Amino acid sequence: MSALESSVRKLEPFLLMAKSAKGAAAAKLVENATAAPGVFVFAELLEHPNIQELANNPQHAPYLELLKLFSYGTYEDYK
């Protein structure tokens, strides 16, 4: 199994939880996914409608931005 396949497989539980997570639960899900060992691919999670809804709440929007950074950002974006 390649590193990419392994990372995608480790993301699967988070994708399943995203189906029912909304608001604070979705924000916590993003936090847990980005901190999970071996998870390096986040695009599928980012595309999930419940995760995209985080943009509508100023308190939770930073978690969506964090996930965007992990998905498409660079070190320069982080600094």
PDB file of N, CA and C in Angstrom:
ATOM      1  N   MET A   1       0.846  -1.167   0.000  1.00  0.00           N
ATOM      2  CA  MET A   1       0.000   0.000   0.000  1.00  0.00           C
ATOM      3  C   MET A   1       0.897   1.237   0.000  1.00  0.00           C
ATOM      4  N   SER A   2       0.581   2.189  -0.870  1.00  0.00           N
ATOM      5  CA  SER A   2       1.384   3.406  -0.957  1.00  0.00           C
ATOM      6  C   SER A   2       1.053   4.344   0.206  1.00  0.00           C
ATOM      7  N   ALA A   3       1.897   5.331   0.397  1.00  0.00           N
ATOM      8  CA  ALA A   3       1.672   6.314   1.469  1.00  0.00           C
ATOM      9  C   ALA A   3       0.374   7.073   1.234  1.00  0.00           C
ATOM     10  N   LEU A   4       0.064   7.380  -0.012  1.00  0.00           N
ATOM     11  CA  LEU A   4      -1.175   8.085  -0.341  1.00  0.00           C
ATOM     12  C   LEU A   4      -2.386   7.231   0.010  1.00  0.00           C
ATOM     13  N   GLU A   5      -2.357   5.972  -0.364  1.00  0.00           N
ATOM     14  CA  GLU A   5      -3.460   5.062  -0.042  1.00  0.00           C
ATOM     15  C   GLU A   5      -3.631   4.928   1.462  1.00  0.00           C
ATOM     16  N   SER A   6      -2.532   4.856   2.170  1.00  0.00           N
ATOM     17  CA  SER A   6      -2.577   4.755   3.624  1.00  0.00           C
ATOM     18  C   SER A   6      -3.204   6.003   4.240  1.00  0.00           C
ATOM     19  N   SER A   7      -2.827   7.168   3.737  1.00  0.00           N
ATOM     20  CA  SER A   7      -3.366   8.421   4.248  1.00  0.00           C
ATOM     21  C   SER A   7      -4.866   8.520   3.992  1.00  0.00           C
ATOM     22  N   VAL A   8      -5.292   8.139   2.789  1.00  0.00           N
ATOM     23  CA  VAL A   8      -6.711   8.177   2.441  1.00  0.00           C
ATOM     24  C   VAL A   8      -7.487   7.212   3.334  1.00  0.00           C
ATOM     25  N   ARG A   9      -6.927   6.052   3.567  1.00  0.00           N
ATOM     26  CA  ARG A   9      -7.586   5.069   4.434  1.00  0.00           C
ATOM     27  C   ARG A   9      -7.739   5.602   5.862  1.00  0.00           C
ATOM     28  N   LYS A  10      -6.746   6.327   6.338  1.00  0.00           N
ATOM     29  CA  LYS A  10      -6.811   6.886   7.694  1.00  0.00           C
ATOM     30  C   LYS A  10      -7.792   8.050   7.778  1.00  0.00           C
ATOM     31  N   LEU A  11      -8.121   8.669   6.635  1.00  0.00           N
ATOM     32  CA  LEU A  11      -9.095   9.757   6.604  1.00  0.00           C
ATOM     33  C   LEU A  11     -10.527   9.225   6.628  1.00  0.00           C
ATOM     34  N   GLU A  12     -10.738   8.000   6.209  1.00  0.00           N
ATOM     35  CA  GLU A  12     -12.080   7.427   6.072  1.00  0.00           C
ATOM     36  C   GLU A  12     -12.954   7.581   7.315  1.00  0.00           C
ATOM     37  N   PRO A  13     -12.465   7.319   8.520  1.00  0.00           N
ATOM     38  CA  PRO A  13     -13.337   7.501   9.689  1.00  0.00           C
ATOM     39  C   PRO A  13     -13.827   8.946   9.844  1.00  0.00           C
ATOM     40  N   PHE A  14     -12.988   9.890   9.486  1.00  0.00           N
ATOM     41  CA  PHE A  14     -13.380  11.290   9.582  1.00  0.00           C
ATOM     42  C   PHE A  14     -14.438  11.630   8.536  1.00  0.00           C
ATOM     43  N   LEU A  15     -14.336  11.027   7.370  1.00  0.00           N
ATOM     44  CA  LEU A  15     -15.342  11.240   6.327  1.00  0.00           C
ATOM     45  C   LEU A  15     -16.695  10.683   6.764  1.00  0.00           C
ATOM     46  N   LEU A  16     -16.674   9.544   7.413  1.00  0.00           N
ATOM     47  CA  LEU A  16     -17.918   8.958   7.919  1.00  0.00           C
ATOM     48  C   LEU A  16     -18.536   9.832   9.005  1.00  0.00           C
ATOM     49  N   MET A  17     -17.717  10.333   9.901  1.00  0.00           N
ATOM     50  CA  MET A  17     -18.233  11.191  10.969  1.00  0.00           C
ATOM     51  C   MET A  17     -18.742  12.526  10.435  1.00  0.00           C
ATOM     52  N   ALA A  18     -18.172  12.993   9.334  1.00  0.00           N
ATOM     53  CA  ALA A  18     -18.578  14.280   8.757  1.00  0.00           C
ATOM     54  C   ALA A  18     -20.020  14.248   8.268  1.00  0.00           C
ATOM     55  N   LYS A  19     -20.538  13.075   7.983  1.00  0.00           N
ATOM     56  CA  LYS A  19     -21.920  12.960   7.511  1.00  0.00           C
ATOM     57  C   LYS A  19     -22.923  13.467   8.537  1.00  0.00           C
ATOM     58  N   SER A  20     -22.590  13.342   9.817  1.00  0.00           N
ATOM     59  CA  SER A  20     -23.527  13.763  10.858  1.00  0.00           C
ATOM     60  C   SER A  20     -23.021  14.931  11.699  1.00  0.00           C
ATOM     61  N   ALA A  21     -21.799  15.350  11.496  1.00  0.00           N
ATOM     62  CA  ALA A  21     -21.217  16.426  12.313  1.00  0.00           C
ATOM     63  C   ALA A  21     -21.610  17.792  11.759  1.00  0.00           C
ATOM     64  N   LYS A  22     -22.080  18.645  12.639  1.00  0.00           N
ATOM     65  CA  LYS A  22     -22.433  20.015  12.258  1.00  0.00           C
ATOM     66  C   LYS A  22     -21.938  20.956  13.340  1.00  0.00           C
ATOM     67  N   GLY A  23     -21.689  22.199  12.956  1.00  0.00           N
ATOM     68  CA  GLY A  23     -21.307  23.223  13.920  1.00  0.00           C
ATOM     69  C   GLY A  23     -20.044  22.878  14.677  1.00  0.00           C
ATOM     70  N   ALA A  24     -20.139  22.933  16.003  1.00  0.00           N
ATOM     71  CA  ALA A  24     -18.977  22.684  16.858  1.00  0.00           C
ATOM     72  C   ALA A  24     -18.424  21.275  16.661  1.00  0.00           C
ATOM     73  N   ALA A  25     -19.298  20.314  16.404  1.00  0.00           N
ATOM     74  CA  ALA A  25     -18.835  18.941  16.185  1.00  0.00           C
ATOM     75  C   ALA A  25     -18.015  18.847  14.896  1.00  0.00           C
ATOM     76  N   ALA A  26     -18.426  19.567  13.869  1.00  0.00           N
ATOM     77  CA  ALA A  26     -17.671  19.579  12.611  1.00  0.00           C
ATOM     78  C   ALA A  26     -16.329  20.279  12.806  1.00  0.00           C
ATOM     79  N   ALA A  27     -16.315  21.352  13.587  1.00  0.00           N
ATOM     80  CA  ALA A  27     -15.061  22.052  13.870  1.00  0.00           C
ATOM     81  C   ALA A  27     -14.097  21.134  14.624  1.00  0.00           C
ATOM     82  N   LYS A  28     -14.611  20.406  15.604  1.00  0.00           N
ATOM     83  CA  LYS A  28     -13.773  19.470  16.366  1.00  0.00           C
ATOM     84  C   LYS A  28     -13.273  18.342  15.459  1.00  0.00           C
ATOM     85  N   LEU A  29     -14.101  17.923  14.528  1.00  0.00           N
ATOM     86  CA  LEU A  29     -13.713  16.889  13.578  1.00  0.00           C
ATOM     87  C   LEU A  29     -12.528  17.354  12.729  1.00  0.00           C
ATOM     88  N   VAL A  30     -12.566  18.598  12.276  1.00  0.00           N
ATOM     89  CA  VAL A  30     -11.454  19.161  11.510  1.00  0.00           C
ATOM     90  C   VAL A  30     -10.192  19.189  12.367  1.00  0.00           C
ATOM     91  N   GLU A  31     -10.348  19.622  13.602  1.00  0.00           N
ATOM     92  CA  GLU A  31      -9.198  19.670  14.518  1.00  0.00           C
ATOM     93  C   GLU A  31      -8.593  18.283  14.699  1.00  0.00           C
ATOM     94  N   ASN A  32      -9.436  17.294  14.904  1.00  0.00           N
ATOM     95  CA  ASN A  32      -8.954  15.925  15.110  1.00  0.00           C
ATOM     96  C   ASN A  32      -8.326  15.349  13.840  1.00  0.00           C
ATOM     97  N   ALA A  33      -8.924  15.624  12.693  1.00  0.00           N
ATOM     98  CA  ALA A  33      -8.390  15.093  11.432  1.00  0.00           C
ATOM     99  C   ALA A  33      -7.025  15.688  11.124  1.00  0.00           C
ATOM    100  N   THR A  34      -6.864  16.984  11.341  1.00  0.00           N
ATOM    101  CA  THR A  34      -5.580  17.615  11.030  1.00  0.00           C
ATOM    102  C   THR A  34      -4.490  17.212  12.024  1.00  0.00           C
ATOM    103  N   ALA A  35      -4.886  16.730  13.187  1.00  0.00           N
ATOM    104  CA  ALA A  35      -3.914  16.293  14.190  1.00  0.00           C
ATOM    105  C   ALA A  35      -3.648  14.787  14.136  1.00  0.00           C
ATOM    106  N   ALA A  36      -4.417  14.071  13.339  1.00  0.00           N
ATOM    107  CA  ALA A  36      -4.304  12.608  13.299  1.00  0.00           C
ATOM    108  C   ALA A  36      -2.996  12.171  12.639  1.00  0.00           C
ATOM    109  N   PRO A  37      -2.285  11.260  13.260  1.00  0.00           N
ATOM    110  CA  PRO A  37      -1.043  10.751  12.662  1.00  0.00           C
ATOM    111  C   PRO A  37      -1.326  10.012  11.360  1.00  0.00           C
ATOM    112  N   GLY A  38      -0.529  10.291  10.355  1.00  0.00           N
ATOM    113  CA  GLY A  38      -0.625   9.570   9.096  1.00  0.00           C
ATOM    114  C   GLY A  38      -1.666  10.088   8.125  1.00  0.00           C
ATOM    115  N   VAL A  39      -2.400  11.125   8.501  1.00  0.00           N
ATOM    116  CA  VAL A  39      -3.393  11.700   7.589  1.00  0.00           C
ATOM    117  C   VAL A  39      -2.761  12.923   6.937  1.00  0.00           C
ATOM    118  N   PHE A  40      -2.613  12.858   5.612  1.00  0.00           N
ATOM    119  CA  PHE A  40      -1.954  13.935   4.882  1.00  0.00           C
ATOM    120  C   PHE A  40      -2.794  14.448   3.716  1.00  0.00           C
ATOM    121  N   VAL A  41      -3.937  13.818   3.455  1.00  0.00           N
ATOM    122  CA  VAL A  41      -4.801  14.186   2.340  1.00  0.00           C
ATOM    123  C   VAL A  41      -6.150  14.593   2.919  1.00  0.00           C
ATOM    124  N   PHE A  42      -6.565  15.835   2.655  1.00  0.00           N
ATOM    125  CA  PHE A  42      -7.761  16.375   3.303  1.00  0.00           C
ATOM    126  C   PHE A  42      -8.818  16.873   2.333  1.00  0.00           C
ATOM    127  N   ALA A  43      -8.581  16.796   1.028  1.00  0.00           N
ATOM    128  CA  ALA A  43      -9.493  17.386   0.047  1.00  0.00           C
ATOM    129  C   ALA A  43     -10.906  16.818   0.151  1.00  0.00           C
ATOM    130  N   GLU A  44     -11.044  15.519   0.336  1.00  0.00           N
ATOM    131  CA  GLU A  44     -12.374  14.915   0.439  1.00  0.00           C
ATOM    132  C   GLU A  44     -13.133  15.462   1.639  1.00  0.00           C
ATOM    133  N   LEU A  45     -12.458  15.640   2.739  1.00  0.00           N
ATOM    134  CA  LEU A  45     -13.101  16.193   3.924  1.00  0.00           C
ATOM    135  C   LEU A  45     -13.479  17.646   3.678  1.00  0.00           C
ATOM    136  N   LEU A  46     -12.609  18.386   3.058  1.00  0.00           N
ATOM    137  CA  LEU A  46     -12.860  19.793   2.755  1.00  0.00           C
ATOM    138  C   LEU A  46     -14.096  19.961   1.875  1.00  0.00           C
ATOM    139  N   GLU A  47     -14.330  19.051   0.966  1.00  0.00           N
ATOM    140  CA  GLU A  47     -15.457  19.143   0.039  1.00  0.00           C
ATOM    141  C   GLU A  47     -16.797  18.778   0.672  1.00  0.00           C
ATOM    142  N   HIS A  48     -16.781  18.192   1.839  1.00  0.00           N
ATOM    143  CA  HIS A  48     -18.022  17.732   2.462  1.00  0.00           C
ATOM    144  C   HIS A  48     -18.921  18.916   2.816  1.00  0.00           C
ATOM    145  N   PRO A  49     -20.223  18.841   2.502  1.00  0.00           N
ATOM    146  CA  PRO A  49     -21.137  19.957   2.774  1.00  0.00           C
ATOM    147  C   PRO A  49     -21.173  20.398   4.237  1.00  0.00           C
ATOM    148  N   ASN A  50     -21.146  19.466   5.171  1.00  0.00           N
ATOM    149  CA  ASN A  50     -21.179  19.847   6.589  1.00  0.00           C
ATOM    150  C   ASN A  50     -19.921  20.607   6.997  1.00  0.00           C
ATOM    151  N   ILE A  51     -18.803  20.294   6.374  1.00  0.00           N
ATOM    152  CA  ILE A  51     -17.569  21.020   6.671  1.00  0.00           C
ATOM    153  C   ILE A  51     -17.621  22.396   6.016  1.00  0.00           C
ATOM    154  N   GLN A  52     -18.155  22.481   4.810  1.00  0.00           N
ATOM    155  CA  GLN A  52     -18.280  23.770   4.131  1.00  0.00           C
ATOM    156  C   GLN A  52     -19.194  24.725   4.899  1.00  0.00           C
ATOM    157  N   GLU A  53     -20.173  24.193   5.623  1.00  0.00           N
ATOM    158  CA  GLU A  53     -21.082  25.017   6.427  1.00  0.00           C
ATOM    159  C   GLU A  53     -20.355  25.773   7.540  1.00  0.00           C
ATOM    160  N   LEU A  54     -19.165  25.348   7.890  1.00  0.00           N
ATOM    161  CA  LEU A  54     -18.402  26.059   8.925  1.00  0.00           C
ATOM    162  C   LEU A  54     -18.147  27.506   8.527  1.00  0.00           C
ATOM    163  N   ALA A  55     -18.132  27.785   7.248  1.00  0.00           N
ATOM    164  CA  ALA A  55     -17.883  29.149   6.752  1.00  0.00           C
ATOM    165  C   ALA A  55     -18.996  30.105   7.180  1.00  0.00           C
ATOM    166  N   ASN A  56     -20.172  29.588   7.478  1.00  0.00           N
ATOM    167  CA  ASN A  56     -21.322  30.422   7.825  1.00  0.00           C
ATOM    168  C   ASN A  56     -21.339  30.876   9.276  1.00  0.00           C
ATOM    169  N   ASN A  57     -20.421  30.384  10.075  1.00  0.00           N
ATOM    170  CA  ASN A  57     -20.390  30.735  11.490  1.00  0.00           C
ATOM    171  C   ASN A  57     -19.020  31.326  11.819  1.00  0.00           C
ATOM    172  N   PRO A  58     -18.987  32.592  12.251  1.00  0.00           N
ATOM    173  CA  PRO A  58     -17.686  33.225  12.537  1.00  0.00           C
ATOM    174  C   PRO A  58     -16.853  32.476  13.581  1.00  0.00           C
ATOM    175  N   GLN A  59     -17.511  31.794  14.490  1.00  0.00           N
ATOM    176  CA  GLN A  59     -16.796  31.045  15.525  1.00  0.00           C
ATOM    177  C   GLN A  59     -16.133  29.796  14.946  1.00  0.00           C
ATOM    178  N   HIS A  60     -16.744  29.202  13.927  1.00  0.00           N
ATOM    179  CA  HIS A  60     -16.228  27.945  13.369  1.00  0.00           C
ATOM    180  C   HIS A  60     -15.467  28.122  12.065  1.00  0.00           C
ATOM    181  N   ALA A  61     -15.591  29.269  11.435  1.00  0.00           N
ATOM    182  CA  ALA A  61     -14.930  29.519  10.147  1.00  0.00           C
ATOM    183  C   ALA A  61     -13.412  29.301  10.194  1.00  0.00           C
ATOM    184  N   PRO A  62     -12.731  29.645  11.295  1.00  0.00           N
ATOM    185  CA  PRO A  62     -11.279  29.398  11.327  1.00  0.00           C
ATOM    186  C   PRO A  62     -10.897  27.922  11.134  1.00  0.00           C
ATOM    187  N   TYR A  63     -11.779  27.009  11.509  1.00  0.00           N
ATOM    188  CA  TYR A  63     -11.490  25.585  11.324  1.00  0.00           C
ATOM    189  C   TYR A  63     -11.550  25.213   9.850  1.00  0.00           C
ATOM    190  N   LEU A  64     -12.458  25.842   9.117  1.00  0.00           N
ATOM    191  CA  LEU A  64     -12.501  25.621   7.677  1.00  0.00           C
ATOM    192  C   LEU A  64     -11.241  26.176   7.032  1.00  0.00           C
ATOM    193  N   GLU A  65     -10.808  27.329   7.471  1.00  0.00           N
ATOM    194  CA  GLU A  65      -9.571  27.921   6.941  1.00  0.00           C
ATOM    195  C   GLU A  65      -8.364  27.045   7.271  1.00  0.00           C
ATOM    196  N   LEU A  66      -8.352  26.471   8.469  1.00  0.00           N
ATOM    197  CA  LEU A  66      -7.282  25.548   8.846  1.00  0.00           C
ATOM    198  C   LEU A  66      -7.249  24.352   7.901  1.00  0.00           C
ATOM    199  N   LEU A  67      -8.413  23.809   7.615  1.00  0.00           N
ATOM    200  CA  LEU A  67      -8.477  22.654   6.725  1.00  0.00           C
ATOM    201  C   LEU A  67      -8.039  23.030   5.310  1.00  0.00           C
ATOM    202  N   LYS A  68      -8.396  24.230   4.867  1.00  0.00           N
ATOM    203  CA  LYS A  68      -7.935  24.697   3.552  1.00  0.00           C
ATOM    204  C   LYS A  68      -6.413  24.806   3.534  1.00  0.00           C
ATOM    205  N   LEU A  69      -5.846  25.291   4.611  1.00  0.00           N
ATOM    206  CA  LEU A  69      -4.392  25.409   4.708  1.00  0.00           C
ATOM    207  C   LEU A  69      -3.736  24.034   4.625  1.00  0.00           C
ATOM    208  N   PHE A  70      -4.292  23.070   5.342  1.00  0.00           N
ATOM    209  CA  PHE A  70      -3.744  21.714   5.305  1.00  0.00           C
ATOM    210  C   PHE A  70      -3.945  21.071   3.933  1.00  0.00           C
ATOM    211  N   SER A  71      -5.010  21.451   3.238  1.00  0.00           N
ATOM    212  CA  SER A  71      -5.317  20.849   1.937  1.00  0.00           C
ATOM    213  C   SER A  71      -4.507  21.441   0.805  1.00  0.00           C
ATOM    214  N   TYR A  72      -4.399  22.778   0.791  1.00  0.00           N
ATOM    215  CA  TYR A  72      -3.828  23.442  -0.377  1.00  0.00           C
ATOM    216  C   TYR A  72      -2.749  24.465  -0.039  1.00  0.00           C
ATOM    217  N   GLY A  73      -2.518  24.716   1.223  1.00  0.00           N
ATOM    218  CA  GLY A  73      -1.604  25.767   1.609  1.00  0.00           C
ATOM    219  C   GLY A  73      -0.145  25.364   1.554  1.00  0.00           C
ATOM    220  N   THR A  74       0.672  26.371   1.755  1.00  0.00           N
ATOM    221  CA  THR A  74       2.109  26.175   1.815  1.00  0.00           C
ATOM    222  C   THR A  74       2.616  26.697   3.151  1.00  0.00           C
ATOM    223  N   TYR A  75       3.853  26.447   3.424  1.00  0.00           N
ATOM    224  CA  TYR A  75       4.449  26.948   4.645  1.00  0.00           C
ATOM    225  C   TYR A  75       4.383  28.476   4.696  1.00  0.00           C
ATOM    226  N   GLU A  76       4.553  29.101   3.561  1.00  0.00           N
ATOM    227  CA  GLU A  76       4.480  30.571   3.488  1.00  0.00           C
ATOM    228  C   GLU A  76       3.077  31.059   3.874  1.00  0.00           C
ATOM    229  N   ASP A  77       2.037  30.330   3.456  1.00  0.00           N
ATOM    230  CA  ASP A  77       0.662  30.676   3.832  1.00  0.00           C
ATOM    231  C   ASP A  77       0.490  30.586   5.343  1.00  0.00           C
ATOM    232  N   TYR A  78       1.111  29.596   5.934  1.00  0.00           N
ATOM    233  CA  TYR A  78       1.000  29.338   7.377  1.00  0.00           C
ATOM    234  C   TYR A  78       1.639  30.441   8.184  1.00  0.00           C
ATOM    235  N   LYS A  79       2.813  30.926   7.724  1.00  0.00           N
ATOM    236  CA  LYS A  79       3.551  31.951   8.452  1.00  0.00           C
ATOM    237  C   LYS A  79       2.731  33.200   8.440  1.00  0.00           C
TER     238      LYS A  79
END
